[in-house]
Amino acid sequence: MVGRNERKLGRQDPPAKSAGFTLIELMIVVCILGILAAIAIPSFIGYVKRSKAAEATQNLNSMFKLAASYMAIEHSQQSLGAIIGTYCSVGNEPVSPSPNSYKQPYSGGTNAQAMGFSIADYVYFGYGFQGSNKCGWAPNDANVYTFTAQGDLDGDAIRSTFELAAGTDAERTLYHAHGFFVVNEIE
């Protein structure tokens, strides 16, 4: 009968354990998720911008290859006494389309078309080049072309710029610089 007396004195059976999470446990989980998001979201945005910027280097390489092919083709001048000129370059091509934060169609001008450069897909960057529009390049000329890509990946009016310079070697073959000149790669 000891048990009856204990109950009478105010002792009670322990309460049954309830299932669930405490408020502190939930707050700790929310804090951990917040820290992970603070680290992961900026990294993800950077990766997306880098993937968009990869378009620029690929298209500038295509421009260079087409320009090298164009220089290797023989071109003749117009007239009865014309001679066949080789190692020709095309003139300047302004950057097109104007850089925006969204994809746009590329439409090349006459010099890009003469070189054979076109892009079928929509692009984030605008493309253009500076060329001197002459034939009969001398060997070792370092200033034949400068190919340019400009973009505004996040719409803040700060442009990403990629440039690839090209010149001729001793055999009058077009070559490009060892790397790209880059300003504000991912803004």
N, C-alpha and C. Protein backbone atom coordinates (compact mmCIF):
# COMPACT_ATOMS: atom_id res chain seq x y z
N MET A 1 0.79 -1.19 0.00
CA MET A 1 0.00 0.00 0.00
C MET A 1 0.84 1.26 0.00
N VAL A 2 2.04 1.10 -0.15
CA VAL A 2 2.93 2.25 -0.19
C VAL A 2 2.63 3.10 -1.42
N GLY A 3 2.28 2.45 -2.50
CA GLY A 3 2.00 3.16 -3.74
C GLY A 3 0.82 4.09 -3.61
N ARG A 4 -0.18 3.68 -2.82
CA ARG A 4 -1.35 4.53 -2.67
C ARG A 4 -1.01 5.78 -1.87
N ASN A 5 -0.21 5.63 -0.90
CA ASN A 5 0.17 6.77 -0.07
C ASN A 5 1.00 7.78 -0.87
N GLU A 6 1.86 7.27 -1.71
CA GLU A 6 2.69 8.17 -2.51
C GLU A 6 1.85 8.99 -3.45
N ARG A 7 0.83 8.40 -3.97
CA ARG A 7 -0.04 9.14 -4.87
C ARG A 7 -0.82 10.19 -4.10
N LYS A 8 -1.16 9.88 -2.94
CA LYS A 8 -1.89 10.85 -2.15
C LYS A 8 -1.01 12.02 -1.76
N LEU A 9 0.26 11.84 -1.65
CA LEU A 9 1.17 12.91 -1.25
C LEU A 9 1.50 13.85 -2.41
N GLY A 10 1.01 13.63 -3.59
CA GLY A 10 1.24 14.54 -4.70
C GLY A 10 2.16 14.01 -5.77
N ARG A 11 2.67 12.85 -5.60
CA ARG A 11 3.53 12.29 -6.65
C ARG A 11 2.66 11.77 -7.77
N GLN A 12 3.12 12.03 -9.01
CA GLN A 12 2.36 11.56 -10.17
C GLN A 12 3.27 10.73 -11.06
N ASP A 13 2.65 9.94 -11.92
CA ASP A 13 3.42 9.17 -12.89
C ASP A 13 4.03 10.13 -13.91
N PRO A 14 5.23 9.81 -14.44
CA PRO A 14 5.84 10.71 -15.45
C PRO A 14 4.96 10.77 -16.70
N PRO A 15 4.88 11.97 -17.34
CA PRO A 15 4.03 12.09 -18.52
C PRO A 15 4.60 11.27 -19.68
N ALA A 16 3.72 10.84 -20.54
CA ALA A 16 4.15 10.08 -21.71
C ALA A 16 4.93 11.01 -22.64
N LYS A 17 6.03 10.52 -23.25
CA LYS A 17 6.87 11.34 -24.13
C LYS A 17 6.12 11.62 -25.43
N SER A 18 6.02 12.91 -25.80
CA SER A 18 5.31 13.27 -27.02
C SER A 18 6.28 13.28 -28.20
N ALA A 19 5.79 12.93 -29.40
CA ALA A 19 6.62 12.90 -30.61
C ALA A 19 6.61 14.28 -31.25
N GLY A 20 7.76 14.67 -31.93
CA GLY A 20 7.84 15.95 -32.62
C GLY A 20 9.16 16.64 -32.32
N PHE A 21 9.30 17.86 -32.87
CA PHE A 21 10.52 18.63 -32.70
C PHE A 21 10.25 19.81 -31.78
N THR A 22 11.26 20.20 -31.08
CA THR A 22 11.13 21.39 -30.24
C THR A 22 11.39 22.62 -31.11
N LEU A 23 11.02 23.75 -30.61
CA LEU A 23 11.22 25.00 -31.33
C LEU A 23 12.70 25.27 -31.56
N ILE A 24 13.53 24.96 -30.62
CA ILE A 24 14.97 25.17 -30.75
C ILE A 24 15.54 24.30 -31.86
N GLU A 25 15.12 23.06 -31.93
CA GLU A 25 15.59 22.17 -33.00
C GLU A 25 15.19 22.70 -34.37
N LEU A 26 13.99 23.19 -34.50
CA LEU A 26 13.53 23.75 -35.77
C LEU A 26 14.32 25.01 -36.12
N MET A 27 14.62 25.86 -35.16
CA MET A 27 15.39 27.08 -35.41
C MET A 27 16.82 26.75 -35.85
N ILE A 28 17.41 25.72 -35.28
CA ILE A 28 18.76 25.31 -35.68
C ILE A 28 18.76 24.84 -37.13
N VAL A 29 17.75 24.06 -37.52
CA VAL A 29 17.66 23.60 -38.91
C VAL A 29 17.50 24.78 -39.86
N VAL A 30 16.66 25.74 -39.51
CA VAL A 30 16.46 26.92 -40.36
C VAL A 30 17.76 27.71 -40.49
N CYS A 31 18.51 27.85 -39.41
CA CYS A 31 19.80 28.56 -39.47
C CYS A 31 20.79 27.84 -40.38
N ILE A 32 20.86 26.53 -40.28
CA ILE A 32 21.77 25.75 -41.13
C ILE A 32 21.39 25.91 -42.60
N LEU A 33 20.09 25.84 -42.90
CA LEU A 33 19.64 26.02 -44.29
C LEU A 33 19.95 27.43 -44.78
N GLY A 34 19.80 28.42 -43.94
CA GLY A 34 20.13 29.79 -44.31
C GLY A 34 21.61 29.96 -44.63
N ILE A 35 22.47 29.36 -43.85
CA ILE A 35 23.92 29.44 -44.11
C ILE A 35 24.27 28.74 -45.42
N LEU A 36 23.70 27.57 -45.64
CA LEU A 36 23.96 26.85 -46.90
C LEU A 36 23.46 27.65 -48.10
N ALA A 37 22.30 28.28 -47.98
CA ALA A 37 21.77 29.09 -49.08
C ALA A 37 22.65 30.30 -49.33
N ALA A 38 23.15 30.92 -48.27
CA ALA A 38 24.01 32.10 -48.43
C ALA A 38 25.30 31.75 -49.16
N ILE A 39 25.75 30.54 -49.04
CA ILE A 39 26.97 30.11 -49.74
C ILE A 39 26.64 29.60 -51.14
N ALA A 40 25.59 28.82 -51.28
CA ALA A 40 25.29 28.14 -52.54
C ALA A 40 24.72 29.07 -53.61
N ILE A 41 23.85 29.99 -53.25
CA ILE A 41 23.19 30.82 -54.27
C ILE A 41 24.18 31.71 -55.01
N PRO A 42 25.09 32.45 -54.36
CA PRO A 42 26.06 33.24 -55.13
C PRO A 42 26.98 32.36 -55.99
N SER A 43 27.34 31.20 -55.50
CA SER A 43 28.17 30.30 -56.30
C SER A 43 27.42 29.84 -57.54
N PHE A 44 26.17 29.50 -57.38
CA PHE A 44 25.34 29.07 -58.51
C PHE A 44 25.22 30.18 -59.55
N ILE A 45 24.98 31.41 -59.10
CA ILE A 45 24.86 32.55 -60.02
C ILE A 45 26.17 32.75 -60.77
N GLY A 46 27.30 32.60 -60.09
CA GLY A 46 28.60 32.71 -60.75
C GLY A 46 28.80 31.64 -61.80
N TYR A 47 28.39 30.41 -61.51
CA TYR A 47 28.52 29.32 -62.48
C TYR A 47 27.65 29.58 -63.71
N VAL A 48 26.46 30.11 -63.52
CA VAL A 48 25.58 30.41 -64.64
C VAL A 48 26.20 31.49 -65.52
N LYS A 49 26.75 32.54 -64.90
CA LYS A 49 27.39 33.61 -65.68
C LYS A 49 28.60 33.09 -66.44
N ARG A 50 29.40 32.22 -65.82
CA ARG A 50 30.56 31.65 -66.52
C ARG A 50 30.13 30.81 -67.71
N SER A 51 29.04 30.07 -67.56
CA SER A 51 28.57 29.26 -68.69
C SER A 51 28.08 30.16 -69.83
N LYS A 52 27.47 31.29 -69.50
CA LYS A 52 27.05 32.23 -70.54
C LYS A 52 28.27 32.87 -71.21
N ALA A 53 29.30 33.16 -70.43
CA ALA A 53 30.50 33.80 -70.96
C ALA A 53 31.30 32.85 -71.86
N ALA A 54 31.13 31.56 -71.69
CA ALA A 54 31.85 30.60 -72.54
C ALA A 54 31.45 30.75 -74.00
N GLU A 55 30.25 31.24 -74.25
CA GLU A 55 29.79 31.49 -75.62
C GLU A 55 30.76 32.43 -76.35
N ALA A 56 31.24 33.45 -75.65
CA ALA A 56 32.08 34.48 -76.28
C ALA A 56 33.38 33.87 -76.82
N THR A 57 34.07 33.07 -76.03
CA THR A 57 35.34 32.52 -76.49
C THR A 57 35.15 31.55 -77.66
N GLN A 58 34.07 30.79 -77.63
CA GLN A 58 33.81 29.86 -78.73
C GLN A 58 33.55 30.61 -80.03
N ASN A 59 32.75 31.65 -79.98
CA ASN A 59 32.44 32.39 -81.21
C ASN A 59 33.63 33.21 -81.70
N LEU A 60 34.46 33.73 -80.80
CA LEU A 60 35.67 34.44 -81.24
C LEU A 60 36.65 33.48 -81.92
N ASN A 61 36.75 32.26 -81.39
CA ASN A 61 37.59 31.25 -82.06
C ASN A 61 37.06 30.93 -83.44
N SER A 62 35.75 30.85 -83.59
CA SER A 62 35.15 30.60 -84.91
C SER A 62 35.46 31.75 -85.86
N MET A 63 35.36 32.98 -85.37
CA MET A 63 35.69 34.15 -86.19
C MET A 63 37.13 34.08 -86.68
N PHE A 64 38.05 33.75 -85.77
CA PHE A 64 39.46 33.66 -86.14
C PHE A 64 39.66 32.61 -87.23
N LYS A 65 39.07 31.43 -87.07
CA LYS A 65 39.25 30.36 -88.05
C LYS A 65 38.71 30.75 -89.41
N LEU A 66 37.58 31.43 -89.43
CA LEU A 66 37.02 31.88 -90.70
C LEU A 66 37.89 32.97 -91.34
N ALA A 67 38.46 33.86 -90.51
CA ALA A 67 39.35 34.89 -91.04
C ALA A 67 40.62 34.27 -91.61
N ALA A 68 41.15 33.25 -90.95
CA ALA A 68 42.35 32.57 -91.46
C ALA A 68 42.03 31.88 -92.79
N SER A 69 40.87 31.29 -92.89
CA SER A 69 40.46 30.65 -94.14
C SER A 69 40.28 31.70 -95.24
N TYR A 70 39.68 32.83 -94.89
CA TYR A 70 39.48 33.91 -95.86
C TYR A 70 40.82 34.43 -96.39
N MET A 71 41.82 34.54 -95.51
CA MET A 71 43.13 35.04 -95.95
C MET A 71 43.83 34.06 -96.89
N ALA A 72 43.54 32.77 -96.75
CA ALA A 72 44.21 31.78 -97.57
C ALA A 72 43.61 31.68 -98.97
N ILE A 73 42.40 32.21 -99.16
CA ILE A 73 41.75 32.16 -100.47
C ILE A 73 42.35 33.24 -101.37
N GLU A 74 42.54 32.90 -102.63
CA GLU A 74 43.04 33.90 -103.58
C GLU A 74 41.90 34.81 -104.00
N HIS A 75 42.17 36.10 -104.03
CA HIS A 75 41.19 37.10 -104.44
C HIS A 75 41.77 37.87 -105.60
N SER A 76 40.94 38.18 -106.58
CA SER A 76 41.44 38.96 -107.72
C SER A 76 40.77 40.32 -107.73
N GLN A 77 41.49 41.27 -108.29
CA GLN A 77 40.95 42.62 -108.39
C GLN A 77 40.14 42.74 -109.67
N GLN A 78 39.31 43.77 -109.75
CA GLN A 78 38.45 43.95 -110.90
C GLN A 78 39.11 44.88 -111.92
N SER A 79 39.43 44.38 -113.07
CA SER A 79 39.88 45.14 -114.24
C SER A 79 40.61 44.17 -115.16
N LEU A 80 40.89 44.63 -116.38
CA LEU A 80 41.53 43.77 -117.36
C LEU A 80 42.98 43.47 -116.98
N GLY A 81 43.66 44.43 -116.40
CA GLY A 81 45.06 44.23 -116.04
C GLY A 81 45.25 43.83 -114.58
N ALA A 82 44.21 43.30 -113.96
CA ALA A 82 44.27 42.97 -112.54
C ALA A 82 45.18 41.78 -112.28
N ILE A 83 45.79 41.78 -111.15
CA ILE A 83 46.61 40.65 -110.70
C ILE A 83 45.86 39.94 -109.58
N ILE A 84 46.22 38.73 -109.33
CA ILE A 84 45.58 37.97 -108.26
C ILE A 84 46.27 38.33 -106.95
N GLY A 85 45.50 38.84 -106.04
CA GLY A 85 46.04 39.17 -104.73
C GLY A 85 45.72 38.07 -103.74
N THR A 86 46.63 37.80 -102.87
CA THR A 86 46.39 36.80 -101.85
C THR A 86 46.58 37.43 -100.48
N TYR A 87 46.23 36.69 -99.45
CA TYR A 87 46.36 37.14 -98.07
C TYR A 87 45.54 38.40 -97.82
N CYS A 88 44.25 38.31 -98.10
CA CYS A 88 43.35 39.46 -97.92
C CYS A 88 42.63 39.38 -96.58
N SER A 89 42.27 40.55 -96.08
CA SER A 89 41.44 40.64 -94.88
C SER A 89 40.24 41.50 -95.20
N VAL A 90 39.21 41.37 -94.40
CA VAL A 90 38.02 42.21 -94.58
C VAL A 90 38.14 43.42 -93.66
N GLY A 91 37.23 44.38 -93.85
CA GLY A 91 37.25 45.60 -93.05
C GLY A 91 36.58 45.43 -91.70
N ASN A 92 36.25 46.55 -91.09
CA ASN A 92 35.65 46.56 -89.75
C ASN A 92 34.21 46.06 -89.77
N GLU A 93 33.82 45.44 -88.68
CA GLU A 93 32.45 45.00 -88.47
C GLU A 93 32.03 45.48 -87.08
N PRO A 94 31.01 46.35 -86.99
CA PRO A 94 30.60 46.82 -85.67
C PRO A 94 29.98 45.69 -84.84
N VAL A 95 30.01 45.87 -83.52
CA VAL A 95 29.46 44.87 -82.61
C VAL A 95 27.95 44.78 -82.82
N SER A 96 27.50 43.55 -83.04
CA SER A 96 26.08 43.29 -83.26
C SER A 96 25.72 41.96 -82.64
N PRO A 97 24.61 41.82 -81.97
CA PRO A 97 23.64 42.84 -81.57
C PRO A 97 24.16 43.63 -80.38
N SER A 98 23.46 44.69 -80.05
CA SER A 98 23.84 45.50 -78.89
C SER A 98 23.68 44.65 -77.63
N PRO A 99 24.71 44.62 -76.76
CA PRO A 99 24.66 43.75 -75.59
C PRO A 99 23.49 44.06 -74.65
N ASN A 100 22.78 43.01 -74.25
CA ASN A 100 21.68 43.08 -73.29
C ASN A 100 21.81 41.90 -72.35
N SER A 101 20.91 41.83 -71.37
CA SER A 101 20.95 40.72 -70.41
C SER A 101 20.14 39.52 -70.90
N TYR A 102 19.56 39.60 -72.06
CA TYR A 102 18.79 38.49 -72.60
C TYR A 102 19.36 38.08 -73.96
N LYS A 103 18.98 36.90 -74.41
CA LYS A 103 19.48 36.39 -75.69
C LYS A 103 18.81 37.10 -76.86
N GLN A 104 19.60 37.33 -77.91
CA GLN A 104 19.13 38.01 -79.11
C GLN A 104 19.67 37.30 -80.34
N PRO A 105 19.05 37.51 -81.49
CA PRO A 105 19.60 36.93 -82.71
C PRO A 105 20.80 37.75 -83.20
N TYR A 106 21.78 37.07 -83.78
CA TYR A 106 22.93 37.75 -84.36
C TYR A 106 22.67 37.93 -85.85
N SER A 107 22.91 39.14 -86.33
CA SER A 107 22.84 39.38 -87.77
C SER A 107 24.10 40.13 -88.17
N GLY A 108 24.97 39.43 -88.87
CA GLY A 108 26.24 40.02 -89.27
C GLY A 108 26.09 40.97 -90.44
N GLY A 109 27.00 41.92 -90.53
CA GLY A 109 27.03 42.86 -91.63
C GLY A 109 27.77 42.27 -92.84
N THR A 110 28.09 43.13 -93.79
CA THR A 110 28.69 42.66 -95.04
C THR A 110 30.06 42.04 -94.83
N ASN A 111 30.87 42.59 -93.92
CA ASN A 111 32.21 42.03 -93.71
C ASN A 111 32.15 40.68 -93.01
N ALA A 112 31.24 40.52 -92.06
CA ALA A 112 31.09 39.22 -91.41
C ALA A 112 30.58 38.19 -92.41
N GLN A 113 29.66 38.60 -93.27
CA GLN A 113 29.14 37.69 -94.29
C GLN A 113 30.21 37.33 -95.31
N ALA A 114 31.06 38.29 -95.69
CA ALA A 114 32.14 38.00 -96.64
C ALA A 114 33.10 36.97 -96.05
N MET A 115 33.33 37.06 -94.77
CA MET A 115 34.24 36.13 -94.10
C MET A 115 33.55 34.79 -93.86
N GLY A 116 32.21 34.77 -93.89
CA GLY A 116 31.46 33.54 -93.66
C GLY A 116 31.02 33.35 -92.23
N PHE A 117 31.11 34.41 -91.40
CA PHE A 117 30.73 34.28 -89.99
C PHE A 117 29.25 34.52 -89.81
N SER A 118 28.59 33.56 -89.19
CA SER A 118 27.18 33.70 -88.83
C SER A 118 26.93 32.83 -87.59
N ILE A 119 25.88 33.16 -86.87
CA ILE A 119 25.50 32.39 -85.69
C ILE A 119 24.01 32.08 -85.83
N ALA A 120 23.67 30.82 -85.83
CA ALA A 120 22.28 30.42 -86.03
C ALA A 120 21.45 30.57 -84.76
N ASP A 121 22.07 30.44 -83.59
CA ASP A 121 21.35 30.48 -82.32
C ASP A 121 21.32 31.90 -81.76
N TYR A 122 20.45 32.14 -80.80
CA TYR A 122 20.42 33.43 -80.10
C TYR A 122 21.65 33.52 -79.20
N VAL A 123 22.14 34.75 -78.97
CA VAL A 123 23.39 34.95 -78.23
C VAL A 123 23.21 35.98 -77.11
N TYR A 124 24.05 35.86 -76.08
CA TYR A 124 24.11 36.83 -75.00
C TYR A 124 25.05 37.98 -75.34
N PHE A 125 26.02 37.73 -76.21
CA PHE A 125 27.06 38.70 -76.53
C PHE A 125 26.85 39.28 -77.92
N GLY A 126 27.38 40.48 -78.13
CA GLY A 126 27.44 41.07 -79.46
C GLY A 126 28.85 40.84 -80.00
N TYR A 127 28.98 40.63 -81.30
CA TYR A 127 30.27 40.29 -81.91
C TYR A 127 30.62 41.27 -83.02
N GLY A 128 31.90 41.60 -83.10
CA GLY A 128 32.40 42.48 -84.15
C GLY A 128 33.90 42.31 -84.25
N PHE A 129 34.52 43.02 -85.19
CA PHE A 129 35.97 42.95 -85.34
C PHE A 129 36.48 44.18 -86.06
N GLN A 130 37.77 44.39 -85.89
CA GLN A 130 38.47 45.44 -86.62
C GLN A 130 39.43 44.75 -87.57
N GLY A 131 39.29 45.04 -88.84
CA GLY A 131 40.19 44.52 -89.86
C GLY A 131 40.60 45.67 -90.76
N SER A 132 41.65 45.48 -91.53
CA SER A 132 42.16 46.61 -92.32
C SER A 132 41.74 46.59 -93.77
N ASN A 133 41.04 45.55 -94.22
CA ASN A 133 40.49 45.50 -95.57
C ASN A 133 41.56 45.73 -96.64
N LYS A 134 42.60 44.90 -96.61
CA LYS A 134 43.61 45.02 -97.65
C LYS A 134 44.12 43.64 -98.04
N CYS A 135 44.79 43.58 -99.17
CA CYS A 135 45.38 42.33 -99.65
C CYS A 135 46.90 42.50 -99.72
N GLY A 136 47.59 41.37 -99.71
CA GLY A 136 49.04 41.40 -99.84
C GLY A 136 49.75 41.71 -98.54
N TRP A 137 49.34 41.06 -97.47
CA TRP A 137 49.94 41.32 -96.18
C TRP A 137 51.43 40.98 -96.18
N ALA A 138 52.19 41.82 -95.53
CA ALA A 138 53.61 41.55 -95.35
C ALA A 138 53.78 40.50 -94.25
N PRO A 139 54.85 39.74 -94.30
CA PRO A 139 55.09 38.79 -93.21
C PRO A 139 55.26 39.52 -91.88
N ASN A 140 54.93 38.84 -90.80
CA ASN A 140 55.12 39.34 -89.44
C ASN A 140 54.38 40.65 -89.16
N ASP A 141 53.17 40.78 -89.62
CA ASP A 141 52.35 41.93 -89.30
C ASP A 141 51.49 41.57 -88.11
N ALA A 142 51.66 42.29 -87.02
CA ALA A 142 50.97 41.93 -85.77
C ALA A 142 49.56 42.51 -85.67
N ASN A 143 49.16 43.37 -86.59
CA ASN A 143 47.87 44.05 -86.45
C ASN A 143 46.96 43.79 -87.65
N VAL A 144 46.51 42.56 -87.80
CA VAL A 144 45.62 42.24 -88.91
C VAL A 144 44.16 42.33 -88.45
N TYR A 145 43.83 41.68 -87.34
CA TYR A 145 42.46 41.68 -86.82
C TYR A 145 42.46 41.83 -85.30
N THR A 146 41.38 42.39 -84.80
CA THR A 146 41.04 42.31 -83.38
C THR A 146 39.57 41.93 -83.33
N PHE A 147 39.29 40.72 -82.86
CA PHE A 147 37.93 40.20 -82.75
C PHE A 147 37.40 40.54 -81.36
N THR A 148 36.15 41.00 -81.29
CA THR A 148 35.59 41.48 -80.03
C THR A 148 34.22 40.86 -79.75
N ALA A 149 33.99 40.54 -78.48
CA ALA A 149 32.68 40.12 -78.00
C ALA A 149 32.35 40.97 -76.78
N GLN A 150 31.16 41.54 -76.75
CA GLN A 150 30.73 42.36 -75.62
C GLN A 150 29.37 41.89 -75.14
N GLY A 151 29.20 41.80 -73.83
CA GLY A 151 27.94 41.36 -73.26
C GLY A 151 27.63 42.08 -71.97
N ASP A 152 26.36 42.03 -71.59
CA ASP A 152 25.90 42.59 -70.32
C ASP A 152 25.03 41.50 -69.69
N LEU A 153 25.67 40.58 -68.97
CA LEU A 153 25.00 39.37 -68.52
C LEU A 153 23.93 39.59 -67.46
N ASP A 154 24.04 40.66 -66.67
CA ASP A 154 23.04 40.86 -65.63
C ASP A 154 22.29 42.18 -65.75
N GLY A 155 22.42 42.86 -66.88
CA GLY A 155 21.64 44.06 -67.14
C GLY A 155 21.99 45.28 -66.32
N ASP A 156 23.23 45.36 -65.82
CA ASP A 156 23.62 46.50 -64.99
C ASP A 156 24.42 47.55 -65.76
N ALA A 157 24.47 47.45 -67.08
CA ALA A 157 25.17 48.39 -67.97
C ALA A 157 26.69 48.30 -67.86
N ILE A 158 27.21 47.34 -67.13
CA ILE A 158 28.65 47.08 -67.11
C ILE A 158 28.90 45.94 -68.09
N ARG A 159 29.74 46.19 -69.08
CA ARG A 159 29.93 45.21 -70.14
C ARG A 159 31.10 44.27 -69.87
N SER A 160 30.87 43.02 -70.22
CA SER A 160 31.95 42.04 -70.28
C SER A 160 32.57 42.18 -71.67
N THR A 161 33.88 42.22 -71.75
CA THR A 161 34.55 42.36 -73.04
C THR A 161 35.59 41.28 -73.20
N PHE A 162 35.55 40.60 -74.33
CA PHE A 162 36.55 39.60 -74.71
C PHE A 162 37.15 40.05 -76.03
N GLU A 163 38.48 40.01 -76.13
CA GLU A 163 39.14 40.37 -77.39
C GLU A 163 40.18 39.31 -77.73
N LEU A 164 40.32 39.06 -79.03
CA LEU A 164 41.32 38.13 -79.54
C LEU A 164 42.03 38.84 -80.68
N ALA A 165 43.33 39.07 -80.52
CA ALA A 165 44.12 39.75 -81.54
C ALA A 165 44.73 38.73 -82.48
N ALA A 166 44.88 39.11 -83.75
CA ALA A 166 45.45 38.21 -84.76
C ALA A 166 46.43 38.97 -85.63
N GLY A 167 47.48 38.27 -86.05
CA GLY A 167 48.49 38.83 -86.93
C GLY A 167 49.03 37.76 -87.86
N THR A 168 50.02 38.11 -88.67
CA THR A 168 50.61 37.13 -89.59
C THR A 168 52.01 36.78 -89.13
N ASP A 169 52.43 35.55 -89.45
CA ASP A 169 53.78 35.13 -89.12
C ASP A 169 54.67 35.27 -90.36
N ALA A 170 55.87 34.69 -90.32
CA ALA A 170 56.82 34.82 -91.42
C ALA A 170 56.31 34.21 -92.73
N GLU A 171 55.42 33.23 -92.64
CA GLU A 171 54.85 32.60 -93.85
C GLU A 171 53.52 33.24 -94.23
N ARG A 172 53.18 34.36 -93.64
CA ARG A 172 51.93 35.07 -93.89
C ARG A 172 50.70 34.27 -93.49
N THR A 173 50.86 33.40 -92.53
CA THR A 173 49.74 32.64 -91.99
C THR A 173 49.17 33.41 -90.81
N LEU A 174 47.85 33.47 -90.75
CA LEU A 174 47.20 34.19 -89.66
C LEU A 174 47.32 33.38 -88.37
N TYR A 175 47.74 34.01 -87.30
CA TYR A 175 47.80 33.37 -85.99
C TYR A 175 47.15 34.32 -84.98
N HIS A 176 46.76 33.78 -83.83
CA HIS A 176 46.15 34.64 -82.81
C HIS A 176 47.00 34.66 -81.55
N ALA A 177 46.68 35.60 -80.68
CA ALA A 177 47.40 35.75 -79.42
C ALA A 177 47.25 34.48 -78.59
N HIS A 178 48.10 34.33 -77.59
CA HIS A 178 48.08 33.12 -76.75
C HIS A 178 46.84 33.01 -75.88
N GLY A 179 46.17 34.10 -75.68
CA GLY A 179 44.96 34.08 -74.85
C GLY A 179 44.05 35.23 -75.18
N PHE A 180 42.94 35.28 -74.52
CA PHE A 180 41.97 36.34 -74.72
C PHE A 180 42.27 37.48 -73.76
N PHE A 181 42.05 38.71 -74.24
CA PHE A 181 42.08 39.87 -73.37
C PHE A 181 40.67 39.99 -72.81
N VAL A 182 40.52 39.95 -71.49
CA VAL A 182 39.19 39.91 -70.88
C VAL A 182 39.06 41.03 -69.86
N VAL A 183 37.96 41.75 -69.94
CA VAL A 183 37.62 42.79 -68.96
C VAL A 183 36.23 42.46 -68.43
N ASN A 184 36.09 42.36 -67.11
CA ASN A 184 34.81 42.07 -66.46
C ASN A 184 34.18 40.79 -66.99
N GLU A 185 34.89 39.69 -66.86
CA GLU A 185 34.44 38.42 -67.44
C GLU A 185 33.00 38.10 -67.10
N ILE A 186 32.65 38.16 -65.83
CA ILE A 186 31.27 37.86 -65.44
C ILE A 186 30.65 39.04 -64.70
N GLU A 187 31.17 40.22 -64.94
CA GLU A 187 30.70 41.46 -64.34
C GLU A 187 30.66 41.38 -62.86
